[in-house]
Structures are given as structure tokens and as C-alpha cells.
Amino acid sequence: MKRRSFKLSGRPKVAFIVEGNEGKWLVEALARKVVTRLRLEEPPCFETVRLFGAPHIMGILSIVLILSGRGYERVIVVFDTHTRDKQRIAGLLREIQLPLIKAGVSERVLLVPAVPAIASWVLADGKALERVAGTHLPEGTSRARGRPEALLRQLLGDWSDREQKRVARYLEPERIRTRDKSFEAFVRALQLALGAGANPSSEAQEPAVT
């Protein structure tokens, strides 16, 4: 993958809003790895805020306002869609975007729907899973249907904080990008957030279905 160089004034501040500990471990680890492959004049400052349970629309707005007041130029919201249906995902995006637009802060926020869940990003990296599981995975694991968390629990024996942190160490963005479109959308959102003022395109927030 060709490296891109971003010229930024000062240290960029980017915040993530995620669902629970799983989102925190995976998003932070993957964001750091993506950033190491970019040539930045200043290393970014990251902060992660966890939401537990389904993302509460007004809760997201409140957090965005707080983060904006603390100097975070961009906020990336990563949320599980629990569906692969494009129309339903588009509806979720509209529900989250509307209060942000009304509050005048939508230009600061990049929404990344993880389709159908952020655990799907893990399933897309078979080599990382094999390293943690210590065994060869069945063919087609990354394309298996069903709840991603349940599949990971079956493969690894559990899918708690311990397993999430271990897997996060071995995940490689390049491997995931080729297999999961919603992770590709996350990488694009992070690059936009580090691009010092670029507005997110409609393509960047288009529902991705793998």
C-alpha cells in the first residue's frame, strides 16, 4: 500500500466513540497501526470514549460537544449495525446524523458503521486469529454467516477482554482492508480525520456491506 503524507499544523487530535471495551481495544490498536503507515509530521493524539449497549443518539451528541470543547477537531463514531441491509444501515446513519446537523457539529463527525459488527474485522484477519488460537482455521471463516462474536467465542474459547486484547496485537490493517469494506471505510475516515479540515465525502459514509 502506497504511503500518503499529510502536512498538518500542530498535533492532530482525533477522538473515537465506540461500543464497549471490544470497540476500544480493536479501534485503538488498528488506528495506531494505520497511523504508523502514514508519514505524519506530528503523531496524533487519540482519545476513546466507550458507550455500553446500542449507541444512544443524544448520548453521541453530548459526547461530541464535550470533545469539541476539549479541542478534538474530529470525532469518529464506530458502531455495530447488527444487519447487512443497506436501507436499515442508511436509516441508522440518518438517525445519528440528524441531531449532529441540528447542533451544527456534523462537519466534525465521521460515522463508521461496522457491518454487521466490529468483530467482523477480526474475522477478516485469519492469520491473526490463527496465531491466537494456535491452530489452522477452517476455510471461509471470514465469510461465515451468523453473529461474529459467537463465531469468535467458538474459535477462541471465549471473547472477553483478554482475547480481544491478544487478537488486537496481531491484527494487520492491510489484511483486513482486502476482506472487509466497513473496515476500509474506517481507514478512509481516519485518513480524512488526519487530513486537517477535509470534509467527509458521501462515499466515505456510504453503508458498506460485506
C-alpha atoms as a PDB file:
ATOM      1  CA  MET A   1       0.000   0.000   0.000  1.00  0.00           C
ATOM      2  CA  LYS A   2       1.402   3.357  -1.048  1.00  0.00           C
ATOM      3  CA  ARG A   3       2.101   5.689   1.834  1.00  0.00           C
ATOM      4  CA  ARG A   4       0.432   9.050   1.961  1.00  0.00           C
ATOM      5  CA  SER A   5       1.997  12.100   3.543  1.00  0.00           C
ATOM      6  CA  PHE A   6      -0.194  14.570   5.445  1.00  0.00           C
ATOM      7  CA  LYS A   7       1.105  18.008   6.349  1.00  0.00           C
ATOM      8  CA  LEU A   8      -0.604  19.159   9.500  1.00  0.00           C
ATOM      9  CA  SER A   9      -0.142  22.227  11.654  1.00  0.00           C
ATOM     10  CA  GLY A  10       0.388  21.043  15.202  1.00  0.00           C
ATOM     11  CA  ARG A  11      -0.515  17.705  16.706  1.00  0.00           C
ATOM     12  CA  PRO A  12      -3.863  16.440  15.352  1.00  0.00           C
ATOM     13  CA  LYS A  13      -6.450  15.453  17.950  1.00  0.00           C
ATOM     14  CA  VAL A  14      -8.870  12.706  16.984  1.00  0.00           C
ATOM     15  CA  ALA A  15     -11.401  11.047  19.278  1.00  0.00           C
ATOM     16  CA  PHE A  16     -13.253   7.766  18.851  1.00  0.00           C
ATOM     17  CA  ILE A  17     -16.698   6.911  20.171  1.00  0.00           C
ATOM     18  CA  VAL A  18     -17.126   3.139  20.286  1.00  0.00           C
ATOM     19  CA  GLU A  19     -19.319   0.452  21.794  1.00  0.00           C
ATOM     20  CA  GLY A  20     -17.827  -1.037  24.964  1.00  0.00           C
ATOM     21  CA  ASN A  21     -14.379  -2.446  25.678  1.00  0.00           C
ATOM     22  CA  GLU A  22     -14.295  -4.514  22.498  1.00  0.00           C
ATOM     23  CA  GLY A  23     -14.531  -1.390  20.382  1.00  0.00           C
ATOM     24  CA  LYS A  24     -11.876   0.366  22.448  1.00  0.00           C
ATOM     25  CA  TRP A  25      -9.234  -2.376  22.181  1.00  0.00           C
ATOM     26  CA  LEU A  26      -9.776  -3.005  18.473  1.00  0.00           C
ATOM     27  CA  VAL A  27     -10.188   0.582  17.263  1.00  0.00           C
ATOM     28  CA  GLU A  28      -7.214   1.929  19.209  1.00  0.00           C
ATOM     29  CA  ALA A  29      -4.899  -0.893  18.109  1.00  0.00           C
ATOM     30  CA  LEU A  30      -5.915  -0.668  14.463  1.00  0.00           C
ATOM     31  CA  ALA A  31      -5.800   3.143  14.397  1.00  0.00           C
ATOM     32  CA  ARG A  32      -2.237   3.115  15.754  1.00  0.00           C
ATOM     33  CA  LYS A  33      -1.189   0.613  13.091  1.00  0.00           C
ATOM     34  CA  VAL A  34      -2.808   2.630  10.313  1.00  0.00           C
ATOM     35  CA  VAL A  35      -1.056   5.775  11.541  1.00  0.00           C
ATOM     36  CA  THR A  36       2.385   4.110  11.575  1.00  0.00           C
ATOM     37  CA  ARG A  37       1.969   3.520   7.845  1.00  0.00           C
ATOM     38  CA  LEU A  38       1.363   7.225   7.229  1.00  0.00           C
ATOM     39  CA  ARG A  39       4.112   9.796   7.274  1.00  0.00           C
ATOM     40  CA  LEU A  40       2.889  12.413   9.718  1.00  0.00           C
ATOM     41  CA  GLU A  41       4.813  15.466  10.829  1.00  0.00           C
ATOM     42  CA  GLU A  42       3.304  15.125  14.306  1.00  0.00           C
ATOM     43  CA  PRO A  43       1.923  11.947  15.934  1.00  0.00           C
ATOM     44  CA  PRO A  44      -1.829  12.267  16.524  1.00  0.00           C
ATOM     45  CA  CYS A  45      -3.413  12.462  19.947  1.00  0.00           C
ATOM     46  CA  PHE A  46      -6.151   9.836  20.313  1.00  0.00           C
ATOM     47  CA  GLU A  47      -8.881   9.534  22.921  1.00  0.00           C
ATOM     48  CA  THR A  48     -11.566   6.858  23.100  1.00  0.00           C
ATOM     49  CA  VAL A  49     -14.986   7.161  24.738  1.00  0.00           C
ATOM     50  CA  ARG A  50     -16.941   3.965  25.292  1.00  0.00           C
ATOM     51  CA  LEU A  51     -20.695   3.623  25.043  1.00  0.00           C
ATOM     52  CA  PHE A  52     -22.171   0.471  26.527  1.00  0.00           C
ATOM     53  CA  GLY A  53     -25.092  -1.081  24.693  1.00  0.00           C
ATOM     54  CA  ALA A  54     -26.620   0.243  21.480  1.00  0.00           C
ATOM     55  CA  PRO A  55     -25.398   3.749  20.592  1.00  0.00           C
ATOM     56  CA  HIS A  56     -27.710   6.328  22.154  1.00  0.00           C
ATOM     57  CA  ILE A  57     -28.244   9.074  19.597  1.00  0.00           C
ATOM     58  CA  MET A  58     -28.373  12.013  22.024  1.00  0.00           C
ATOM     59  CA  GLY A  59     -25.570  10.427  24.040  1.00  0.00           C
ATOM     60  CA  ILE A  60     -23.336  10.631  20.981  1.00  0.00           C
ATOM     61  CA  LEU A  61     -24.203  14.307  20.501  1.00  0.00           C
ATOM     62  CA  SER A  62     -23.408  15.110  24.143  1.00  0.00           C
ATOM     63  CA  ILE A  63     -20.014  13.405  23.905  1.00  0.00           C
ATOM     64  CA  VAL A  64     -19.197  15.134  20.610  1.00  0.00           C
ATOM     65  CA  LEU A  65     -19.944  18.536  22.185  1.00  0.00           C
ATOM     66  CA  ILE A  66     -17.701  17.751  25.157  1.00  0.00           C
ATOM     67  CA  LEU A  67     -14.865  16.521  22.937  1.00  0.00           C
ATOM     68  CA  SER A  68     -15.178  19.560  20.678  1.00  0.00           C
ATOM     69  CA  GLY A  69     -14.824  21.783  23.722  1.00  0.00           C
ATOM     70  CA  ARG A  70     -11.626  19.921  24.594  1.00  0.00           C
ATOM     71  CA  GLY A  71     -10.059  20.674  21.241  1.00  0.00           C
ATOM     72  CA  TYR A  72     -10.708  17.482  19.299  1.00  0.00           C
ATOM     73  CA  GLU A  73     -11.014  18.509  15.661  1.00  0.00           C
ATOM     74  CA  ARG A  74     -12.559  15.266  14.506  1.00  0.00           C
ATOM     75  CA  VAL A  75     -14.624  12.538  16.162  1.00  0.00           C
ATOM     76  CA  ILE A  76     -15.005   9.105  14.579  1.00  0.00           C
ATOM     77  CA  VAL A  77     -18.055   7.137  15.707  1.00  0.00           C
ATOM     78  CA  VAL A  78     -17.789   3.370  15.150  1.00  0.00           C
ATOM     79  CA  PHE A  79     -20.991   1.436  15.801  1.00  0.00           C
ATOM     80  CA  ASP A  80     -22.258  -2.087  15.124  1.00  0.00           C
ATOM     81  CA  THR A  81     -25.129  -2.237  12.648  1.00  0.00           C
ATOM     82  CA  HIS A  82     -26.318  -5.765  13.595  1.00  0.00           C
ATOM     83  CA  THR A  83     -27.527  -6.012   9.992  1.00  0.00           C
ATOM     84  CA  ARG A  84     -26.190  -6.163   6.450  1.00  0.00           C
ATOM     85  CA  ASP A  85     -29.244  -4.489   4.940  1.00  0.00           C
ATOM     86  CA  LYS A  86     -28.182  -1.243   3.242  1.00  0.00           C
ATOM     87  CA  GLN A  87     -31.507   0.514   3.786  1.00  0.00           C
ATOM     88  CA  ARG A  88     -31.526  -0.228   7.511  1.00  0.00           C
ATOM     89  CA  ILE A  89     -27.912   0.930   7.813  1.00  0.00           C
ATOM     90  CA  ALA A  90     -28.738   4.138   5.940  1.00  0.00           C
ATOM     91  CA  GLY A  91     -31.599   4.687   8.391  1.00  0.00           C
ATOM     92  CA  LEU A  92     -29.237   4.291  11.360  1.00  0.00           C
ATOM     93  CA  LEU A  93     -26.863   6.821   9.830  1.00  0.00           C
ATOM     94  CA  ARG A  94     -29.673   9.357   9.341  1.00  0.00           C
ATOM     95  CA  GLU A  95     -30.848   8.918  12.947  1.00  0.00           C
ATOM     96  CA  ILE A  96     -27.360   9.634  14.285  1.00  0.00           C
ATOM     97  CA  GLN A  97     -26.618  12.460  11.847  1.00  0.00           C
ATOM     98  CA  LEU A  98     -29.813  14.475  12.364  1.00  0.00           C
ATOM     99  CA  PRO A  99     -29.104  15.791  15.904  1.00  0.00           C
ATOM    100  CA  LEU A 100     -25.478  16.439  14.917  1.00  0.00           C
ATOM    101  CA  ILE A 101     -26.654  18.543  11.969  1.00  0.00           C
ATOM    102  CA  LYS A 102     -29.142  20.452  14.139  1.00  0.00           C
ATOM    103  CA  ALA A 103     -26.393  21.171  16.675  1.00  0.00           C
ATOM    104  CA  GLY A 104     -24.046  22.399  13.936  1.00  0.00           C
ATOM    105  CA  VAL A 105     -21.298  19.870  14.646  1.00  0.00           C
ATOM    106  CA  SER A 106     -21.829  17.308  11.888  1.00  0.00           C
ATOM    107  CA  GLU A 107     -18.758  18.518   9.988  1.00  0.00           C
ATOM    108  CA  ARG A 108     -16.595  17.356  12.896  1.00  0.00           C
ATOM    109  CA  VAL A 109     -18.026  13.833  12.983  1.00  0.00           C
ATOM    110  CA  LEU A 110     -17.290  10.811  10.799  1.00  0.00           C
ATOM    111  CA  LEU A 111     -19.661   7.875  11.155  1.00  0.00           C
ATOM    112  CA  VAL A 112     -18.367   4.365  10.523  1.00  0.00           C
ATOM    113  CA  PRO A 113     -20.962   1.582  10.597  1.00  0.00           C
ATOM    114  CA  ALA A 114     -19.224  -1.731  11.325  1.00  0.00           C
ATOM    115  CA  VAL A 115     -21.116  -4.271   9.231  1.00  0.00           C
ATOM    116  CA  PRO A 116     -22.591  -6.212  10.912  1.00  0.00           C
ATOM    117  CA  ALA A 117     -20.243  -5.747  13.909  1.00  0.00           C
ATOM    118  CA  ILE A 118     -16.703  -4.677  14.703  1.00  0.00           C
ATOM    119  CA  ALA A 119     -15.935  -8.325  15.478  1.00  0.00           C
ATOM    120  CA  SER A 120     -16.246  -8.910  11.716  1.00  0.00           C
ATOM    121  CA  TRP A 121     -12.982  -7.009  11.295  1.00  0.00           C
ATOM    122  CA  VAL A 122     -11.283  -9.627  13.440  1.00  0.00           C
ATOM    123  CA  LEU A 123     -12.752 -12.495  11.435  1.00  0.00           C
ATOM    124  CA  ALA A 124     -11.310 -10.874   8.295  1.00  0.00           C
ATOM    125  CA  ASP A 125      -7.757 -11.414   9.583  1.00  0.00           C
ATOM    126  CA  GLY A 126      -7.369 -15.172   9.620  1.00  0.00           C
ATOM    127  CA  LYS A 127      -3.628 -15.053  10.288  1.00  0.00           C
ATOM    128  CA  ALA A 128      -4.099 -13.059  13.488  1.00  0.00           C
ATOM    129  CA  LEU A 129      -6.824 -15.443  14.635  1.00  0.00           C
ATOM    130  CA  GLU A 130      -4.701 -18.499  13.885  1.00  0.00           C
ATOM    131  CA  ARG A 131      -1.834 -17.047  15.884  1.00  0.00           C
ATOM    132  CA  VAL A 132      -4.036 -16.516  18.922  1.00  0.00           C
ATOM    133  CA  ALA A 133      -5.972 -19.779  18.537  1.00  0.00           C
ATOM    134  CA  GLY A 134      -2.813 -21.778  17.859  1.00  0.00           C
ATOM    135  CA  THR A 135      -4.485 -23.764  15.103  1.00  0.00           C
ATOM    136  CA  HIS A 136      -5.415 -23.579  11.433  1.00  0.00           C
ATOM    137  CA  LEU A 137      -8.862 -22.091  10.852  1.00  0.00           C
ATOM    138  CA  PRO A 138     -11.464 -23.668   8.568  1.00  0.00           C
ATOM    139  CA  GLU A 139     -11.656 -22.298   5.024  1.00  0.00           C
ATOM    140  CA  GLY A 140     -14.175 -19.467   4.654  1.00  0.00           C
ATOM    141  CA  THR A 141     -14.078 -18.354   8.303  1.00  0.00           C
ATOM    142  CA  SER A 142     -14.058 -14.676   7.354  1.00  0.00           C
ATOM    143  CA  ARG A 143     -17.186 -15.143   5.201  1.00  0.00           C
ATOM    144  CA  ALA A 144     -19.133 -17.227   7.705  1.00  0.00           C
ATOM    145  CA  ARG A 145     -22.644 -16.041   8.476  1.00  0.00           C
ATOM    146  CA  GLY A 146     -24.014 -15.679  11.973  1.00  0.00           C
ATOM    147  CA  ARG A 147     -23.107 -13.448  14.892  1.00  0.00           C
ATOM    148  CA  PRO A 148     -19.378 -12.579  14.633  1.00  0.00           C
ATOM    149  CA  GLU A 149     -18.966 -12.536  18.417  1.00  0.00           C
ATOM    150  CA  ALA A 150     -20.387 -16.061  18.673  1.00  0.00           C
ATOM    151  CA  LEU A 151     -18.030 -17.289  15.956  1.00  0.00           C
ATOM    152  CA  LEU A 152     -15.038 -15.766  17.738  1.00  0.00           C
ATOM    153  CA  ARG A 153     -16.134 -17.312  21.028  1.00  0.00           C
ATOM    154  CA  GLN A 154     -16.315 -20.685  19.301  1.00  0.00           C
ATOM    155  CA  LEU A 155     -12.894 -20.283  17.674  1.00  0.00           C
ATOM    156  CA  LEU A 156     -11.044 -18.883  20.688  1.00  0.00           C
ATOM    157  CA  GLY A 157     -12.963 -20.459  23.574  1.00  0.00           C
ATOM    158  CA  ASP A 158     -14.072 -17.017  24.792  1.00  0.00           C
ATOM    159  CA  TRP A 159     -14.374 -13.442  23.522  1.00  0.00           C
ATOM    160  CA  SER A 160     -13.727 -11.371  26.633  1.00  0.00           C
ATOM    161  CA  ASP A 161     -11.245  -8.553  27.304  1.00  0.00           C
ATOM    162  CA  ARG A 162      -8.320 -10.995  27.423  1.00  0.00           C
ATOM    163  CA  GLU A 163      -8.946 -12.459  23.966  1.00  0.00           C
ATOM    164  CA  GLN A 164      -9.803  -9.060  22.482  1.00  0.00           C
ATOM    165  CA  LYS A 165      -6.520  -7.534  23.657  1.00  0.00           C
ATOM    166  CA  ARG A 166      -4.497 -10.524  22.445  1.00  0.00           C
ATOM    167  CA  VAL A 167      -6.050 -10.525  18.989  1.00  0.00           C
ATOM    168  CA  ALA A 168      -5.688  -6.738  18.688  1.00  0.00           C
ATOM    169  CA  ARG A 169      -1.892  -7.083  18.981  1.00  0.00           C
ATOM    170  CA  TYR A 170      -1.699  -9.242  15.858  1.00  0.00           C
ATOM    171  CA  LEU A 171      -4.273  -7.615  13.590  1.00  0.00           C
ATOM    172  CA  GLU A 172      -2.904  -6.148  10.347  1.00  0.00           C
ATOM    173  CA  PRO A 173      -4.908  -3.398   8.615  1.00  0.00           C
ATOM    174  CA  GLU A 174      -3.744  -4.440   5.126  1.00  0.00           C
ATOM    175  CA  ARG A 175      -5.145  -7.939   5.538  1.00  0.00           C
ATOM    176  CA  ILE A 176      -8.488  -6.675   6.869  1.00  0.00           C
ATOM    177  CA  ARG A 177      -8.942  -3.999   4.185  1.00  0.00           C
ATOM    178  CA  THR A 178      -8.966  -6.590   1.404  1.00  0.00           C
ATOM    179  CA  ARG A 179     -11.760  -8.596   3.063  1.00  0.00           C
ATOM    180  CA  ASP A 180     -13.996  -6.108   4.873  1.00  0.00           C
ATOM    181  CA  LYS A 181     -15.462  -2.988   3.240  1.00  0.00           C
ATOM    182  CA  SER A 182     -16.604  -1.466   6.517  1.00  0.00           C
ATOM    183  CA  PHE A 183     -13.023  -1.552   7.816  1.00  0.00           C
ATOM    184  CA  GLU A 184     -11.900   0.130   4.610  1.00  0.00           C
ATOM    185  CA  ALA A 185     -14.449   2.847   5.443  1.00  0.00           C
ATOM    186  CA  PHE A 186     -12.830   3.185   8.893  1.00  0.00           C
ATOM    187  CA  VAL A 187      -9.381   3.636   7.330  1.00  0.00           C
ATOM    188  CA  ARG A 188     -10.743   6.309   4.963  1.00  0.00           C
ATOM    189  CA  ALA A 189     -12.420   8.089   7.878  1.00  0.00           C
ATOM    190  CA  LEU A 190      -9.186   8.076   9.874  1.00  0.00           C
ATOM    191  CA  GLN A 191      -7.243   9.441   6.912  1.00  0.00           C
ATOM    192  CA  LEU A 192      -9.837  12.188   6.492  1.00  0.00           C
ATOM    193  CA  ALA A 193      -9.647  12.988  10.195  1.00  0.00           C
ATOM    194  CA  LEU A 194      -5.893  13.360   9.869  1.00  0.00           C
ATOM    195  CA  GLY A 195      -6.209  15.389   6.686  1.00  0.00           C
ATOM    196  CA  ALA A 196      -6.598  18.692   8.535  1.00  0.00           C
ATOM    197  CA  GLY A 197     -10.026  20.001   7.628  1.00  0.00           C
ATOM    198  CA  ALA A 198     -11.133  17.811   4.733  1.00  0.00           C
ATOM    199  CA  ASN A 199     -14.892  17.325   4.771  1.00  0.00           C
ATOM    200  CA  PRO A 200     -16.113  13.712   4.666  1.00  0.00           C
ATOM    201  CA  SER A 201     -17.483  12.734   1.274  1.00  0.00           C
ATOM    202  CA  SER A 202     -20.752  10.878   0.872  1.00  0.00           C
ATOM    203  CA  GLU A 203     -18.704   7.875  -0.277  1.00  0.00           C
ATOM    204  CA  ALA A 204     -16.797   7.832   2.988  1.00  0.00           C
ATOM    205  CA  GLN A 205     -20.012   7.377   4.973  1.00  0.00           C
ATOM    206  CA  GLU A 206     -21.890   5.183   2.496  1.00  0.00           C
ATOM    207  CA  PRO A 207     -23.108   1.951   4.114  1.00  0.00           C
ATOM    208  CA  ALA A 208     -20.619  -0.824   3.416  1.00  0.00           C
ATOM    209  CA  VAL A 209     -21.930  -4.356   3.148  1.00  0.00           C
ATOM    210  CA  THR A 210     -19.511  -7.264   3.007  1.00  0.00           C
END
